[in-house]
Amino acid sequence: MKKVFWIVLLAVLFTASFAMAASLKVGDKAADFKLKDALDDKEYSLNSPELAGRVLYIVYASTSAADDNDHVSDALKANKDLERLSNEKKYRGIGIGNQKDSGVPNFVIKQVAKSKQKKTGAIVLLDPDFTIGKAWGVPPKIATCVLLDKNRVVRYIYSGKTPAENIPKLIELIKEYAAK
């Protein structure tokens, strides 16, 4: 009985320490990826010409949480300073759709992603195997917002529906890191 207890305890501790170590935090460097976009299956990475050298605001979400941070994306899109930074190729917003944790068929997820891409102008990528979710340690089925500086260091991260009071801070962080 003692042996079983210790084995279970060690397994729980190992799993918990692995999960904690994998969670992306402010100051961490984000793992790169190779994912395809929803519109034309073009492959992107953090070093793709459309993303390289830019501050990136990324929303990682499954279909059940796809709209949770639309209010943030709308506020960022409406900000004239961020629009200027986007036009100067210093900042970009992207979405990543988690296909693995959804009961919705992949073709439906792709249609939702295409719609988001057309509506927002953001690049919307699809993560069919939760590869980035695992690499970044983000929770499944919950939207997670990540701000990466030009060197791919995390400057902001929030899982869940971002509170409205965080938006001004996020805008200032984007402006600060785009200016560097």
Protein backbone atom coordinates (compact mmCIF):
# COMPACT_ATOMS: atom_id res chain seq x y z
CA MET A 1 0.00 0.00 0.00
CA LYS A 2 2.86 2.41 0.84
CA LYS A 3 4.50 1.65 -2.51
CA VAL A 4 1.33 2.53 -4.42
CA PHE A 5 0.97 5.75 -2.42
CA TRP A 6 4.54 6.85 -3.24
CA ILE A 7 4.22 5.95 -6.89
CA VAL A 8 0.98 7.96 -7.19
CA LEU A 9 2.50 10.88 -5.26
CA LEU A 10 5.60 10.92 -7.49
CA ALA A 11 3.46 10.73 -10.62
CA VAL A 12 1.33 13.67 -9.45
CA LEU A 13 4.39 15.75 -8.54
CA PHE A 14 6.10 14.97 -11.83
CA THR A 15 2.99 15.87 -13.82
CA ALA A 16 2.43 19.07 -11.84
CA SER A 17 6.04 20.20 -12.17
CA PHE A 18 5.99 19.47 -15.93
CA ALA A 19 2.76 21.43 -16.37
CA MET A 20 4.07 24.39 -14.38
CA ALA A 21 7.37 24.44 -16.26
CA ALA A 22 5.61 24.48 -19.63
CA SER A 23 3.39 27.53 -18.96
CA LEU A 24 4.43 30.61 -20.91
CA LYS A 25 5.04 33.63 -18.68
CA VAL A 26 6.00 37.27 -19.16
CA GLY A 27 9.73 37.34 -19.91
CA ASP A 28 9.79 33.88 -21.56
CA LYS A 29 10.76 33.40 -25.19
CA ALA A 30 7.89 31.88 -27.17
CA ALA A 31 8.47 28.68 -29.11
CA ASP A 32 8.29 29.07 -32.87
CA PHE A 33 5.73 27.23 -34.96
CA LYS A 34 4.79 26.26 -38.48
CA LEU A 35 1.06 26.55 -39.00
CA LYS A 36 -1.15 27.12 -42.03
CA ASP A 37 -3.62 29.95 -42.41
CA ALA A 38 -7.33 29.43 -42.88
CA LEU A 39 -7.73 31.19 -46.22
CA ASP A 40 -5.16 29.67 -48.54
CA ASP A 41 -3.23 27.09 -46.48
CA LYS A 42 -0.09 29.26 -46.59
CA GLU A 43 2.43 28.18 -43.94
CA TYR A 44 3.58 30.74 -41.38
CA SER A 45 6.16 30.81 -38.60
CA LEU A 46 7.23 33.59 -36.24
CA ASN A 47 9.97 34.35 -38.79
CA SER A 48 7.70 34.57 -41.85
CA PRO A 49 8.15 37.87 -43.73
CA GLU A 50 4.65 38.99 -42.69
CA LEU A 51 5.52 38.56 -38.99
CA ALA A 52 9.31 38.93 -38.68
CA GLY A 53 10.51 42.05 -36.89
CA ARG A 54 7.03 43.00 -35.69
CA VAL A 55 5.40 43.10 -32.30
CA LEU A 56 2.67 40.43 -32.37
CA TYR A 57 -0.65 40.37 -30.55
CA ILE A 58 -1.83 36.75 -30.71
CA VAL A 59 -5.18 35.32 -29.68
CA TYR A 60 -5.05 31.53 -29.25
CA ALA A 61 -8.55 30.06 -28.94
CA SER A 62 -10.77 27.08 -29.62
CA THR A 63 -14.11 27.61 -31.38
CA SER A 64 -15.95 27.74 -28.04
CA ALA A 65 -13.83 30.76 -27.03
CA ALA A 66 -13.27 32.31 -30.47
CA ASP A 67 -15.22 35.49 -29.67
CA ASP A 68 -14.09 35.96 -26.05
CA ASN A 69 -11.54 38.65 -26.88
CA ASP A 70 -13.19 40.35 -29.85
CA HIS A 71 -13.60 43.46 -27.68
CA VAL A 72 -9.79 43.64 -27.36
CA SER A 73 -9.20 43.10 -31.08
CA ASP A 74 -11.81 45.77 -31.88
CA ALA A 75 -10.16 48.26 -29.50
CA LEU A 76 -6.71 47.57 -30.94
CA LYS A 77 -7.98 47.92 -34.50
CA ALA A 78 -9.70 51.24 -33.63
CA ASN A 79 -6.56 52.75 -32.09
CA LYS A 80 -4.98 55.20 -34.58
CA ASP A 81 -1.46 54.75 -33.17
CA LEU A 82 -1.67 50.98 -33.61
CA GLU A 83 -3.10 51.39 -37.10
CA ARG A 84 -0.07 53.54 -37.95
CA LEU A 85 2.31 50.96 -36.43
CA SER A 86 0.60 48.23 -38.44
CA ASN A 87 0.97 50.25 -41.65
CA GLU A 88 4.66 50.80 -40.79
CA LYS A 89 5.04 47.01 -40.40
CA LYS A 90 6.00 47.29 -36.73
CA TYR A 91 2.96 45.52 -35.29
CA ARG A 92 0.58 42.74 -36.36
CA GLY A 93 -2.39 40.92 -34.88
CA ILE A 94 -2.85 37.22 -35.53
CA GLY A 95 -5.21 34.51 -34.37
CA ILE A 96 -4.50 30.85 -33.86
CA GLY A 97 -7.43 28.45 -33.84
CA ASN A 98 -7.14 25.33 -31.70
CA GLN A 99 -8.79 22.60 -33.76
CA LYS A 100 -8.01 19.67 -31.48
CA ASP A 101 -10.19 20.58 -28.48
CA SER A 102 -13.35 21.16 -30.41
CA GLY A 103 -16.20 18.82 -31.14
CA VAL A 104 -16.93 20.96 -34.17
CA PRO A 105 -15.72 19.46 -37.46
CA ASN A 106 -12.51 20.96 -38.85
CA PHE A 107 -14.22 22.32 -41.97
CA VAL A 108 -16.53 24.39 -39.74
CA ILE A 109 -13.57 25.67 -37.71
CA LYS A 110 -11.85 26.63 -40.95
CA GLN A 111 -14.96 28.57 -42.06
CA VAL A 112 -15.10 30.42 -38.72
CA ALA A 113 -11.38 31.21 -39.03
CA LYS A 114 -11.83 32.48 -42.60
CA SER A 115 -14.65 34.72 -41.43
CA LYS A 116 -12.47 36.11 -38.61
CA GLN A 117 -9.60 36.68 -41.02
CA LYS A 118 -11.82 38.59 -43.44
CA LYS A 119 -13.47 40.63 -40.65
CA THR A 120 -10.32 41.63 -38.78
CA GLY A 121 -7.62 41.57 -41.45
CA ALA A 122 -5.55 39.48 -39.04
CA ILE A 123 -3.78 36.35 -40.14
CA VAL A 124 -5.70 33.41 -38.70
CA LEU A 125 -3.71 30.21 -38.36
CA LEU A 126 -4.97 26.74 -37.53
CA ASP A 127 -3.38 24.45 -34.92
CA PRO A 128 -4.81 21.00 -35.73
CA ASP A 129 -2.93 19.11 -32.99
CA PHE A 130 -2.78 21.66 -30.11
CA THR A 131 0.97 21.85 -30.86
CA ILE A 132 1.31 25.51 -29.90
CA GLY A 133 -1.09 25.13 -27.01
CA LYS A 134 1.16 22.44 -25.55
CA ALA A 135 4.42 24.24 -26.38
CA TRP A 136 3.17 27.47 -24.82
CA GLY A 137 1.32 25.78 -21.97
CA VAL A 138 -1.96 27.57 -22.63
CA PRO A 139 -5.15 26.05 -21.26
CA PRO A 140 -7.40 24.27 -23.77
CA LYS A 141 -10.88 25.61 -24.53
CA ILE A 142 -9.98 29.05 -23.12
CA ALA A 143 -8.89 32.03 -25.20
CA THR A 144 -5.36 33.20 -24.38
CA CYS A 145 -3.93 36.55 -25.49
CA VAL A 146 -0.17 36.79 -25.89
CA LEU A 147 1.89 39.87 -26.77
CA LEU A 148 5.32 39.10 -28.20
CA ASP A 149 8.00 41.71 -28.76
CA LYS A 150 10.19 41.69 -31.88
CA ASN A 151 12.53 39.16 -30.25
CA ARG A 152 9.56 36.85 -29.45
CA VAL A 153 9.71 37.49 -25.73
CA VAL A 154 6.34 37.47 -23.98
CA ARG A 155 5.38 40.95 -22.73
CA TYR A 156 1.75 40.23 -21.85
CA ILE A 157 -0.30 37.06 -21.43
CA TYR A 158 -3.84 36.55 -20.23
CA SER A 159 -6.02 33.43 -20.37
CA GLY A 160 -9.77 33.97 -20.41
CA LYS A 161 -11.84 36.96 -21.42
CA THR A 162 -9.50 39.93 -21.08
CA PRO A 163 -10.88 42.58 -18.71
CA ALA A 164 -11.60 45.93 -20.40
CA GLU A 165 -9.26 47.66 -17.92
CA ASN A 166 -6.31 45.68 -19.36
CA ILE A 167 -6.76 47.10 -22.86
CA PRO A 168 -5.04 50.49 -22.27
CA LYS A 169 -2.04 48.67 -20.74
CA LEU A 170 -1.89 46.33 -23.74
CA ILE A 171 -2.00 49.29 -26.17
CA GLU A 172 0.83 51.01 -24.32
CA LEU A 173 2.92 47.82 -24.32
CA ILE A 174 2.43 47.43 -28.08
CA LYS A 175 3.51 51.04 -28.67
CA GLU A 176 6.47 50.70 -26.30
CA TYR A 177 7.86 47.53 -27.88
CA ALA A 178 7.14 48.61 -31.45
CA ALA A 179 9.23 51.74 -30.82
CA LYS A 180 12.29 49.71 -29.79
